[in-house]
Amino acid sequence: MQITNNTVVSLSYTLKQDDANGAVIEVAKDSEPLVFIFGAGNMIPKFEENLSTLKSGDSFEFTLVSAEAYGEFEAEAIIDLDKEIFSVDGAVDQEMLAIGNVIPMRDNEGHMLQGKVISVTDEAVRMDFNHPMAGKNLHFSGMILSVREATADELNHGHVHGDGGHQH
């Protein structure tokens, strides 16, 4: 079956950073594939575009430049926050502020953000709110394992049920 909107796609892949290093970022094996509803808006649009002409059994290999993937790295997304923001009952949890720790936060409009602690001083915490893969070109290679029609329940809920998907 050909991939079209509202089909459930199951695929295995290897994701590498597309640079001289070529470090493997993520692997989805045949035994634990990525399963998603094509066209439901849950995947990077250019990722889906590169799969749109494929069918079960087809292999793929493509690169997404950072602007097509998770966006460019933005220096403005690195922010110094008053250390008191992290105070609970008058004390700052120093373990929470460990360098490299990712802390869920909300912006002024209430949107959820993930901030990575870069540095800590007596007064401030410097955090990076860029996506971890911002500014990186991504190379995908893999195989389409199966394609099937999504059920009405899956389409109503916006995610896959059963094998590889959400369990109720």
N, C-alpha and C. Protein backbone atom coordinates (compact mmCIF):
# COMPACT_ATOMS: atom_id res chain seq x y z
N MET A 1 0.83 -1.18 0.00
CA MET A 1 0.00 0.00 0.00
C MET A 1 0.88 1.25 0.00
N GLN A 2 0.48 2.24 -0.75
CA GLN A 2 1.19 3.51 -0.86
C GLN A 2 0.87 4.40 0.35
N ILE A 3 1.86 5.17 0.77
CA ILE A 3 1.66 6.14 1.85
C ILE A 3 0.80 7.29 1.32
N THR A 4 -0.28 7.58 2.02
CA THR A 4 -1.12 8.74 1.74
C THR A 4 -1.58 9.30 3.08
N ASN A 5 -2.23 10.46 3.06
CA ASN A 5 -2.76 11.02 4.29
C ASN A 5 -3.69 10.01 4.95
N ASN A 6 -3.67 9.98 6.27
CA ASN A 6 -4.52 9.10 7.08
C ASN A 6 -4.18 7.62 6.96
N THR A 7 -2.93 7.32 6.57
CA THR A 7 -2.46 5.94 6.66
C THR A 7 -1.51 5.85 7.85
N VAL A 8 -1.47 4.66 8.43
CA VAL A 8 -0.54 4.41 9.53
C VAL A 8 0.73 3.85 8.92
N VAL A 9 1.83 4.54 9.15
CA VAL A 9 3.13 4.15 8.60
C VAL A 9 3.99 3.60 9.73
N SER A 10 4.60 2.46 9.47
CA SER A 10 5.55 1.86 10.39
C SER A 10 6.89 1.80 9.66
N LEU A 11 7.93 2.37 10.28
CA LEU A 11 9.23 2.37 9.60
C LEU A 11 10.37 2.24 10.59
N SER A 12 11.46 1.71 10.08
CA SER A 12 12.71 1.67 10.85
C SER A 12 13.62 2.72 10.22
N TYR A 13 14.52 3.27 11.04
CA TYR A 13 15.42 4.28 10.49
C TYR A 13 16.64 4.46 11.38
N THR A 14 17.65 5.05 10.79
CA THR A 14 18.81 5.54 11.51
C THR A 14 18.90 7.03 11.21
N LEU A 15 19.03 7.82 12.27
CA LEU A 15 19.17 9.27 12.14
C LEU A 15 20.58 9.63 12.56
N LYS A 16 21.29 10.28 11.64
CA LYS A 16 22.66 10.73 11.91
C LYS A 16 22.74 12.24 11.71
N GLN A 17 23.64 12.85 12.44
CA GLN A 17 23.93 14.25 12.20
C GLN A 17 24.68 14.32 10.87
N ASP A 18 24.22 15.19 9.97
CA ASP A 18 24.84 15.30 8.65
C ASP A 18 25.97 16.31 8.70
N ASP A 19 27.12 15.82 9.18
CA ASP A 19 28.32 16.64 9.24
C ASP A 19 29.52 15.70 9.11
N ALA A 20 30.71 16.22 9.26
CA ALA A 20 31.92 15.41 9.12
C ALA A 20 31.97 14.28 10.14
N ASN A 21 31.39 14.51 11.31
CA ASN A 21 31.38 13.51 12.38
C ASN A 21 30.38 12.39 12.08
N GLY A 22 29.19 12.75 11.61
CA GLY A 22 28.17 11.76 11.27
C GLY A 22 27.68 10.94 12.45
N ALA A 23 27.64 11.54 13.62
CA ALA A 23 27.24 10.82 14.83
C ALA A 23 25.80 10.34 14.74
N VAL A 24 25.57 9.10 15.18
CA VAL A 24 24.22 8.55 15.22
C VAL A 24 23.47 9.22 16.36
N ILE A 25 22.30 9.78 16.05
CA ILE A 25 21.48 10.48 17.03
C ILE A 25 20.41 9.55 17.58
N GLU A 26 19.82 8.74 16.69
CA GLU A 26 18.68 7.92 17.08
C GLU A 26 18.52 6.76 16.10
N VAL A 27 18.03 5.62 16.63
CA VAL A 27 17.76 4.45 15.79
C VAL A 27 16.40 3.90 16.17
N ALA A 28 15.59 3.60 15.17
CA ALA A 28 14.33 2.88 15.38
C ALA A 28 14.49 1.56 14.63
N LYS A 29 14.60 0.46 15.37
CA LYS A 29 14.83 -0.86 14.79
C LYS A 29 13.53 -1.46 14.26
N ASP A 30 13.66 -2.48 13.42
CA ASP A 30 12.49 -3.20 12.91
C ASP A 30 11.62 -3.70 14.06
N SER A 31 12.24 -4.12 15.16
CA SER A 31 11.52 -4.67 16.30
C SER A 31 10.83 -3.59 17.14
N GLU A 32 11.27 -2.35 17.01
CA GLU A 32 10.67 -1.21 17.73
C GLU A 32 10.57 -0.02 16.78
N PRO A 33 9.72 -0.14 15.76
CA PRO A 33 9.67 0.89 14.72
C PRO A 33 8.98 2.18 15.17
N LEU A 34 9.17 3.22 14.39
CA LEU A 34 8.41 4.45 14.52
C LEU A 34 7.08 4.20 13.82
N VAL A 35 5.97 4.45 14.51
CA VAL A 35 4.64 4.24 13.95
C VAL A 35 3.86 5.54 14.12
N PHE A 36 3.30 6.06 13.02
CA PHE A 36 2.59 7.34 13.10
C PHE A 36 1.53 7.42 12.01
N ILE A 37 0.57 8.33 12.21
CA ILE A 37 -0.45 8.60 11.19
C ILE A 37 0.12 9.65 10.25
N PHE A 38 0.26 9.29 8.99
CA PHE A 38 0.81 10.19 7.99
C PHE A 38 -0.17 11.34 7.76
N GLY A 39 0.35 12.57 7.78
CA GLY A 39 -0.48 13.74 7.51
C GLY A 39 -1.22 14.28 8.72
N ALA A 40 -1.01 13.71 9.91
CA ALA A 40 -1.72 14.16 11.11
C ALA A 40 -1.02 15.32 11.80
N GLY A 41 0.13 15.77 11.26
CA GLY A 41 0.81 16.92 11.83
C GLY A 41 1.72 16.59 13.00
N ASN A 42 2.02 15.31 13.21
CA ASN A 42 2.87 14.92 14.33
C ASN A 42 4.34 14.79 13.96
N MET A 43 4.64 14.86 12.68
CA MET A 43 6.02 14.69 12.21
C MET A 43 6.50 15.98 11.54
N ILE A 44 7.82 16.10 11.38
CA ILE A 44 8.38 17.23 10.65
C ILE A 44 7.82 17.19 9.23
N PRO A 45 7.22 18.29 8.74
CA PRO A 45 6.61 18.28 7.40
C PRO A 45 7.55 17.78 6.30
N LYS A 46 8.81 18.21 6.28
CA LYS A 46 9.74 17.78 5.23
C LYS A 46 10.09 16.30 5.36
N PHE A 47 10.05 15.76 6.59
CA PHE A 47 10.26 14.33 6.79
C PHE A 47 9.15 13.57 6.07
N GLU A 48 7.89 13.97 6.30
CA GLU A 48 6.76 13.32 5.64
C GLU A 48 6.83 13.51 4.12
N GLU A 49 7.20 14.70 3.69
CA GLU A 49 7.27 14.96 2.25
C GLU A 49 8.22 13.97 1.56
N ASN A 50 9.33 13.65 2.21
CA ASN A 50 10.30 12.72 1.64
C ASN A 50 9.80 11.28 1.62
N LEU A 51 8.77 10.97 2.40
CA LEU A 51 8.21 9.62 2.44
C LEU A 51 6.95 9.48 1.59
N SER A 52 6.42 10.59 1.11
CA SER A 52 5.08 10.63 0.54
C SER A 52 4.86 9.77 -0.70
N THR A 53 5.90 9.39 -1.40
CA THR A 53 5.72 8.58 -2.61
C THR A 53 6.05 7.10 -2.38
N LEU A 54 6.34 6.73 -1.13
CA LEU A 54 6.82 5.38 -0.83
C LEU A 54 5.69 4.43 -0.47
N LYS A 55 6.03 3.14 -0.46
CA LYS A 55 5.08 2.10 -0.06
C LYS A 55 5.82 1.07 0.79
N SER A 56 5.08 0.14 1.35
CA SER A 56 5.66 -0.90 2.19
C SER A 56 6.78 -1.62 1.46
N GLY A 57 7.92 -1.78 2.13
CA GLY A 57 9.07 -2.46 1.54
C GLY A 57 10.08 -1.52 0.90
N ASP A 58 9.71 -0.25 0.68
CA ASP A 58 10.63 0.71 0.08
C ASP A 58 11.66 1.18 1.11
N SER A 59 12.87 1.41 0.63
CA SER A 59 13.89 2.00 1.50
C SER A 59 13.96 3.49 1.17
N PHE A 60 14.55 4.25 2.08
CA PHE A 60 14.68 5.69 1.87
C PHE A 60 15.99 6.18 2.46
N GLU A 61 16.43 7.31 1.93
CA GLU A 61 17.61 8.00 2.44
C GLU A 61 17.51 9.45 1.99
N PHE A 62 17.55 10.37 2.94
CA PHE A 62 17.47 11.78 2.62
C PHE A 62 18.05 12.61 3.76
N THR A 63 18.38 13.86 3.43
CA THR A 63 18.92 14.80 4.41
C THR A 63 17.98 15.99 4.51
N LEU A 64 17.74 16.42 5.74
CA LEU A 64 16.98 17.64 5.99
C LEU A 64 17.95 18.68 6.54
N VAL A 65 18.01 19.85 5.88
CA VAL A 65 18.82 20.93 6.44
C VAL A 65 18.09 21.46 7.67
N SER A 66 18.81 22.10 8.56
CA SER A 66 18.24 22.51 9.85
C SER A 66 16.96 23.32 9.71
N ALA A 67 16.88 24.19 8.71
CA ALA A 67 15.67 25.01 8.53
C ALA A 67 14.45 24.15 8.22
N GLU A 68 14.66 22.97 7.61
CA GLU A 68 13.56 22.05 7.29
C GLU A 68 13.27 21.09 8.43
N ALA A 69 14.15 21.07 9.42
CA ALA A 69 14.01 20.10 10.51
C ALA A 69 13.54 20.82 11.78
N TYR A 70 14.47 21.13 12.68
CA TYR A 70 14.11 21.76 13.96
C TYR A 70 14.49 23.23 14.03
N GLY A 71 14.79 23.82 12.89
CA GLY A 71 15.09 25.24 12.84
C GLY A 71 16.55 25.55 13.08
N GLU A 72 16.89 26.80 12.84
CA GLU A 72 18.25 27.27 13.05
C GLU A 72 18.48 27.50 14.54
N PHE A 73 19.73 27.44 14.96
CA PHE A 73 20.09 27.76 16.34
C PHE A 73 19.90 29.26 16.51
N GLU A 74 19.19 29.67 17.55
CA GLU A 74 18.92 31.09 17.79
C GLU A 74 19.59 31.54 19.08
N ALA A 75 20.52 32.48 18.96
CA ALA A 75 21.22 33.01 20.13
C ALA A 75 20.23 33.66 21.10
N GLU A 76 19.11 34.21 20.56
CA GLU A 76 18.11 34.87 21.40
C GLU A 76 17.39 33.87 22.32
N ALA A 77 17.50 32.57 22.03
CA ALA A 77 16.85 31.55 22.85
C ALA A 77 17.70 31.17 24.07
N ILE A 78 18.86 31.81 24.21
CA ILE A 78 19.69 31.62 25.40
C ILE A 78 19.42 32.81 26.32
N ILE A 79 18.89 32.50 27.49
CA ILE A 79 18.37 33.55 28.38
C ILE A 79 18.91 33.37 29.79
N ASP A 80 19.22 34.49 30.42
CA ASP A 80 19.59 34.49 31.84
C ASP A 80 18.33 34.73 32.65
N LEU A 81 18.03 33.81 33.56
CA LEU A 81 16.86 33.92 34.43
C LEU A 81 17.31 34.13 35.86
N ASP A 82 16.56 34.93 36.59
CA ASP A 82 16.85 35.16 38.01
C ASP A 82 16.80 33.83 38.75
N LYS A 83 17.84 33.56 39.50
CA LYS A 83 17.94 32.28 40.21
C LYS A 83 16.77 32.06 41.16
N GLU A 84 16.17 33.13 41.65
CA GLU A 84 15.05 33.02 42.59
C GLU A 84 13.83 32.34 41.97
N ILE A 85 13.73 32.36 40.63
CA ILE A 85 12.63 31.68 39.94
C ILE A 85 12.60 30.19 40.32
N PHE A 86 13.76 29.64 40.62
CA PHE A 86 13.91 28.21 40.89
C PHE A 86 13.81 27.89 42.39
N SER A 87 13.42 28.89 43.17
CA SER A 87 13.31 28.72 44.61
C SER A 87 11.98 28.05 44.98
N VAL A 88 12.06 27.06 45.84
CA VAL A 88 10.88 26.40 46.38
C VAL A 88 10.98 26.47 47.90
N ASP A 89 9.97 27.07 48.52
CA ASP A 89 9.97 27.27 49.97
C ASP A 89 11.25 27.97 50.45
N GLY A 90 11.70 28.96 49.67
CA GLY A 90 12.85 29.76 50.06
C GLY A 90 14.21 29.15 49.77
N ALA A 91 14.24 27.95 49.17
CA ALA A 91 15.53 27.31 48.88
C ALA A 91 15.59 26.90 47.41
N VAL A 92 16.77 27.03 46.83
CA VAL A 92 16.99 26.63 45.43
C VAL A 92 17.52 25.20 45.42
N ASP A 93 16.87 24.34 44.63
CA ASP A 93 17.31 22.95 44.50
C ASP A 93 18.53 22.92 43.58
N GLN A 94 19.72 22.78 44.17
CA GLN A 94 20.96 22.82 43.39
C GLN A 94 21.06 21.65 42.41
N GLU A 95 20.52 20.49 42.78
CA GLU A 95 20.56 19.34 41.86
C GLU A 95 19.78 19.62 40.59
N MET A 96 18.65 20.31 40.74
CA MET A 96 17.83 20.64 39.57
C MET A 96 18.62 21.54 38.62
N LEU A 97 19.50 22.38 39.15
CA LEU A 97 20.25 23.34 38.34
C LEU A 97 21.59 22.81 37.88
N ALA A 98 21.75 21.49 37.86
CA ALA A 98 22.99 20.90 37.35
C ALA A 98 23.16 21.25 35.88
N ILE A 99 24.39 21.56 35.49
CA ILE A 99 24.70 21.89 34.09
C ILE A 99 24.26 20.73 33.20
N GLY A 100 23.53 21.06 32.13
CA GLY A 100 23.05 20.05 31.19
C GLY A 100 21.65 19.54 31.51
N ASN A 101 21.16 19.81 32.71
CA ASN A 101 19.82 19.36 33.09
C ASN A 101 18.78 20.11 32.26
N VAL A 102 17.74 19.39 31.82
CA VAL A 102 16.65 19.99 31.07
C VAL A 102 15.46 20.15 32.00
N ILE A 103 14.94 21.38 32.07
CA ILE A 103 13.87 21.71 33.00
C ILE A 103 12.64 22.17 32.22
N PRO A 104 11.48 21.55 32.46
CA PRO A 104 10.26 22.03 31.81
C PRO A 104 9.82 23.35 32.44
N MET A 105 9.49 24.32 31.59
CA MET A 105 9.09 25.64 32.07
C MET A 105 7.95 26.15 31.19
N ARG A 106 7.37 27.29 31.60
CA ARG A 106 6.34 27.96 30.81
C ARG A 106 6.80 29.38 30.51
N ASP A 107 6.47 29.84 29.28
CA ASP A 107 6.78 31.23 28.96
C ASP A 107 5.67 32.13 29.48
N ASN A 108 5.75 33.43 29.18
CA ASN A 108 4.77 34.40 29.69
C ASN A 108 3.36 34.15 29.17
N GLU A 109 3.24 33.45 28.03
CA GLU A 109 1.93 33.13 27.48
C GLU A 109 1.43 31.76 27.91
N GLY A 110 2.20 31.07 28.76
CA GLY A 110 1.77 29.77 29.27
C GLY A 110 2.19 28.58 28.41
N HIS A 111 2.98 28.80 27.35
CA HIS A 111 3.44 27.70 26.49
C HIS A 111 4.54 26.91 27.19
N MET A 112 4.48 25.59 27.07
CA MET A 112 5.51 24.74 27.65
C MET A 112 6.80 24.85 26.84
N LEU A 113 7.92 24.95 27.53
CA LEU A 113 9.25 25.00 26.92
C LEU A 113 10.18 24.08 27.68
N GLN A 114 11.19 23.59 27.01
CA GLN A 114 12.24 22.80 27.65
C GLN A 114 13.50 23.64 27.64
N GLY A 115 14.02 23.94 28.82
CA GLY A 115 15.23 24.73 28.93
C GLY A 115 16.38 23.92 29.48
N LYS A 116 17.52 24.02 28.82
CA LYS A 116 18.72 23.30 29.26
C LYS A 116 19.62 24.25 30.04
N VAL A 117 20.02 23.84 31.24
CA VAL A 117 20.88 24.66 32.08
C VAL A 117 22.29 24.68 31.47
N ILE A 118 22.78 25.90 31.20
CA ILE A 118 24.12 26.07 30.62
C ILE A 118 25.12 26.48 31.68
N SER A 119 24.71 27.42 32.54
CA SER A 119 25.60 27.88 33.60
C SER A 119 24.76 28.45 34.74
N VAL A 120 25.37 28.50 35.92
CA VAL A 120 24.70 29.00 37.12
C VAL A 120 25.67 29.91 37.87
N THR A 121 25.18 31.09 38.25
CA THR A 121 25.95 31.99 39.11
C THR A 121 25.14 32.18 40.40
N ASP A 122 25.64 33.02 41.27
CA ASP A 122 24.91 33.28 42.52
C ASP A 122 23.56 33.95 42.25
N GLU A 123 23.47 34.72 41.15
CA GLU A 123 22.25 35.47 40.87
C GLU A 123 21.40 34.92 39.74
N ALA A 124 22.01 34.22 38.77
CA ALA A 124 21.27 33.87 37.56
C ALA A 124 21.55 32.44 37.08
N VAL A 125 20.60 31.96 36.30
CA VAL A 125 20.72 30.67 35.63
C VAL A 125 20.62 30.93 34.13
N ARG A 126 21.67 30.59 33.39
CA ARG A 126 21.64 30.74 31.93
C ARG A 126 21.07 29.46 31.34
N MET A 127 19.99 29.65 30.54
CA MET A 127 19.30 28.50 29.96
C MET A 127 19.20 28.63 28.45
N ASP A 128 19.26 27.49 27.78
CA ASP A 128 19.13 27.41 26.33
C ASP A 128 17.77 26.79 26.00
N PHE A 129 16.90 27.57 25.35
CA PHE A 129 15.56 27.09 24.99
C PHE A 129 15.47 26.66 23.53
N ASN A 130 16.62 26.53 22.84
CA ASN A 130 16.61 25.96 21.49
C ASN A 130 16.26 24.48 21.58
N HIS A 131 15.64 23.95 20.53
CA HIS A 131 15.44 22.50 20.45
C HIS A 131 16.81 21.86 20.43
N PRO A 132 16.99 20.68 21.08
CA PRO A 132 18.32 20.04 21.10
C PRO A 132 18.93 19.80 19.71
N MET A 133 18.08 19.71 18.68
CA MET A 133 18.61 19.47 17.34
C MET A 133 18.55 20.71 16.45
N ALA A 134 18.29 21.87 17.05
CA ALA A 134 18.29 23.12 16.28
C ALA A 134 19.67 23.36 15.69
N GLY A 135 19.70 23.84 14.46
CA GLY A 135 20.97 24.15 13.81
C GLY A 135 21.68 22.95 13.22
N LYS A 136 21.07 21.76 13.33
CA LYS A 136 21.71 20.55 12.82
C LYS A 136 21.02 20.05 11.56
N ASN A 137 21.83 19.67 10.58
CA ASN A 137 21.31 18.99 9.41
C ASN A 137 21.20 17.51 9.75
N LEU A 138 20.08 16.89 9.38
CA LEU A 138 19.78 15.53 9.78
C LEU A 138 19.71 14.59 8.58
N HIS A 139 20.38 13.45 8.70
CA HIS A 139 20.39 12.45 7.63
C HIS A 139 19.61 11.22 8.09
N PHE A 140 18.54 10.90 7.38
CA PHE A 140 17.71 9.74 7.68
C PHE A 140 17.94 8.66 6.64
N SER A 141 18.01 7.41 7.10
CA SER A 141 18.01 6.27 6.18
C SER A 141 17.21 5.16 6.85
N GLY A 142 16.46 4.42 6.05
CA GLY A 142 15.66 3.36 6.65
C GLY A 142 14.76 2.67 5.65
N MET A 143 13.70 2.01 6.19
CA MET A 143 12.79 1.24 5.36
C MET A 143 11.36 1.36 5.87
N ILE A 144 10.43 1.44 4.92
CA ILE A 144 9.01 1.42 5.25
C ILE A 144 8.65 -0.04 5.53
N LEU A 145 8.22 -0.34 6.75
CA LEU A 145 7.89 -1.71 7.13
C LEU A 145 6.46 -2.06 6.78
N SER A 146 5.53 -1.12 7.00
CA SER A 146 4.13 -1.38 6.64
C SER A 146 3.38 -0.07 6.50
N VAL A 147 2.30 -0.14 5.72
CA VAL A 147 1.38 0.98 5.54
C VAL A 147 -0.03 0.40 5.58
N ARG A 148 -0.91 1.01 6.38
CA ARG A 148 -2.30 0.57 6.45
C ARG A 148 -3.20 1.77 6.66
N GLU A 149 -4.48 1.58 6.39
CA GLU A 149 -5.45 2.64 6.67
C GLU A 149 -5.56 2.84 8.17
N ALA A 150 -5.65 4.09 8.60
CA ALA A 150 -5.89 4.38 10.02
C ALA A 150 -7.35 4.11 10.33
N THR A 151 -7.62 3.66 11.55
CA THR A 151 -9.01 3.43 11.96
C THR A 151 -9.66 4.77 12.29
N ALA A 152 -10.98 4.78 12.37
CA ALA A 152 -11.72 6.00 12.72
C ALA A 152 -11.31 6.49 14.11
N ASP A 153 -11.13 5.57 15.06
CA ASP A 153 -10.69 5.95 16.41
C ASP A 153 -9.32 6.61 16.38
N GLU A 154 -8.40 6.04 15.61
CA GLU A 154 -7.05 6.62 15.51
C GLU A 154 -7.12 8.02 14.93
N LEU A 155 -7.93 8.20 13.90
CA LEU A 155 -8.05 9.53 13.28
C LEU A 155 -8.69 10.52 14.25
N ASN A 156 -9.70 10.09 15.00
CA ASN A 156 -10.36 10.97 15.99
C ASN A 156 -9.40 11.38 17.08
N HIS A 157 -8.55 10.45 17.53
CA HIS A 157 -7.61 10.73 18.62
C HIS A 157 -6.31 11.35 18.13
N GLY A 158 -6.01 11.22 16.84
CA GLY A 158 -4.80 11.81 16.28
C GLY A 158 -3.53 11.02 16.51
N HIS A 159 -3.68 9.76 16.97
CA HIS A 159 -2.50 8.92 17.17
C HIS A 159 -2.86 7.45 16.94
N VAL A 160 -1.83 6.64 16.79
CA VAL A 160 -1.98 5.22 16.49
C VAL A 160 -2.34 4.45 17.76
N HIS A 161 -3.25 3.50 17.64
CA HIS A 161 -3.59 2.59 18.74
C HIS A 161 -3.00 1.22 18.43
N GLY A 162 -2.82 0.40 19.44
CA GLY A 162 -2.32 -0.97 19.22
C GLY A 162 -0.82 -1.00 19.08
N ASP A 163 -0.30 -1.99 18.33
CA ASP A 163 1.14 -2.20 18.19
C ASP A 163 1.83 -0.93 17.72
N GLY A 164 2.81 -0.51 18.51
CA GLY A 164 3.63 0.65 18.15
C GLY A 164 2.98 1.98 18.46
N GLY A 165 1.73 1.96 18.89
CA GLY A 165 1.03 3.22 19.15
C GLY A 165 0.62 3.33 20.60
N HIS A 166 -0.31 4.22 20.83
CA HIS A 166 -0.83 4.50 22.17
C HIS A 166 -1.72 3.36 22.64
N GLN A 167 -1.55 2.94 23.86
CA GLN A 167 -2.38 1.88 24.44
C GLN A 167 -3.41 2.50 25.38
N HIS A 168 -4.65 2.01 25.33
CA HIS A 168 -5.69 2.49 26.27
C HIS A 168 -5.80 1.58 27.44
